[in-house]
Amino acid sequence: MKRSKSVFLPAVVVLAGIGAAFATHGAKASQASETGYYFDSSSEECIPKAMCSSTPGNTCTWKDASNVTHNLSRLSGTDCSVQLSKP
């Protein structure tokens, strides 16, 4: 009986650690970063500018050389209109 306890307890601890590692990885994956794009109306192109998040929160923005703030969006084909959040 003592031998089974000495094998069983470490196995449970190892399995709990593995479970916690997978749970943490899943939480990080759901907050994955993605590139935020700015729509340049002069060239009519979506230009990559900063890392953003799809998790709801504060709007992901970028400031140009004139210190004007622009909202960043997800690139979908040739369109970048789905607004992203700060990571």
Protein backbone atom coordinates (compact mmCIF):
# COMPACT_ATOMS: atom_id res chain seq x y z
CA MET A 1 0.00 0.00 0.00
CA LYS A 2 2.83 2.42 0.84
CA ARG A 3 4.48 1.72 -2.50
CA SER A 4 1.31 2.61 -4.45
CA LYS A 5 1.05 5.92 -2.53
CA SER A 6 4.67 6.78 -3.29
CA VAL A 7 4.02 6.26 -7.01
CA PHE A 8 0.50 7.68 -7.12
CA LEU A 9 1.15 11.06 -5.44
CA PRO A 10 4.03 12.17 -7.74
CA ALA A 11 1.99 11.09 -10.77
CA VAL A 12 -0.94 13.25 -9.63
CA VAL A 13 1.37 16.24 -9.10
CA VAL A 14 2.88 15.83 -12.57
CA LEU A 15 -0.54 15.54 -14.21
CA ALA A 16 -1.77 18.64 -12.35
CA GLY A 17 1.27 20.55 -13.62
CA ILE A 18 0.65 19.46 -17.19
CA GLY A 19 -3.01 20.47 -16.91
CA ALA A 20 -2.05 23.91 -15.59
CA ALA A 21 0.43 24.38 -18.43
CA PHE A 22 -2.23 23.62 -21.03
CA ALA A 23 -4.72 25.95 -19.33
CA THR A 24 -2.19 28.80 -19.33
CA HIS A 25 -1.31 28.19 -22.98
CA GLY A 26 -5.00 28.27 -23.93
CA ALA A 27 -5.51 31.60 -22.16
CA LYS A 28 -2.52 33.14 -23.94
CA ALA A 29 -3.67 31.82 -27.33
CA SER A 30 -7.09 33.46 -26.91
CA GLN A 31 -5.33 36.82 -26.47
CA ALA A 32 -3.15 36.34 -29.56
CA SER A 33 -1.71 39.44 -31.15
CA GLU A 34 -2.15 40.30 -34.77
CA THR A 35 -0.93 43.07 -37.03
CA GLY A 36 -3.08 46.19 -37.09
CA TYR A 37 -3.46 47.91 -40.46
CA TYR A 38 -4.05 51.57 -41.30
CA PHE A 39 -6.06 52.43 -44.44
CA ASP A 40 -4.10 55.00 -46.44
CA SER A 41 -6.73 56.86 -48.49
CA SER A 42 -4.14 58.42 -50.81
CA SER A 43 -2.83 55.05 -52.00
CA GLU A 44 -6.03 53.14 -51.14
CA GLU A 45 -3.97 50.44 -49.40
CA CYS A 46 -3.97 48.83 -45.98
CA ILE A 47 -0.54 49.41 -44.43
CA PRO A 48 0.72 47.35 -41.45
CA LYS A 49 1.58 49.59 -38.48
CA ALA A 50 1.49 47.90 -35.02
CA MET A 51 0.58 44.76 -33.08
CA CYS A 52 -3.01 44.72 -31.83
CA SER A 53 -5.47 42.24 -30.32
CA SER A 54 -8.88 40.94 -31.35
CA THR A 55 -9.90 40.73 -27.66
CA PRO A 56 -12.40 43.55 -26.90
CA GLY A 57 -10.85 46.53 -25.11
CA ASN A 58 -9.36 49.93 -25.85
CA THR A 59 -8.99 50.74 -29.54
CA CYS A 60 -5.60 49.96 -31.08
CA THR A 61 -4.20 53.15 -32.59
CA TRP A 62 -1.14 54.53 -34.39
CA LYS A 63 0.13 58.13 -34.58
CA ASP A 64 1.56 59.40 -37.86
CA ALA A 65 4.39 61.93 -38.33
CA SER A 66 1.89 64.80 -37.95
CA ASN A 67 0.87 63.37 -34.53
CA VAL A 68 -2.60 62.42 -35.85
CA THR A 69 -4.06 59.28 -34.26
CA HIS A 70 -5.51 56.59 -36.55
CA ASN A 71 -7.49 53.49 -35.58
CA LEU A 72 -5.98 50.18 -36.69
CA SER A 73 -7.94 47.30 -38.19
CA ARG A 74 -7.64 43.66 -39.26
CA LEU A 75 -6.68 42.91 -42.85
CA SER A 76 -9.27 40.83 -44.67
CA GLY A 77 -8.43 40.35 -48.33
CA THR A 78 -7.97 43.90 -49.61
CA ASP A 79 -10.15 45.47 -46.90
CA CYS A 80 -9.10 46.61 -43.41
CA SER A 81 -12.25 47.67 -41.64
CA VAL A 82 -12.63 45.36 -38.59
CA GLN A 83 -11.37 47.46 -35.68
CA LEU A 84 -8.82 45.90 -33.32
CA SER A 85 -7.96 46.54 -29.64
CA LYS A 86 -4.75 47.25 -27.76
CA PRO A 87 -2.97 44.05 -26.72
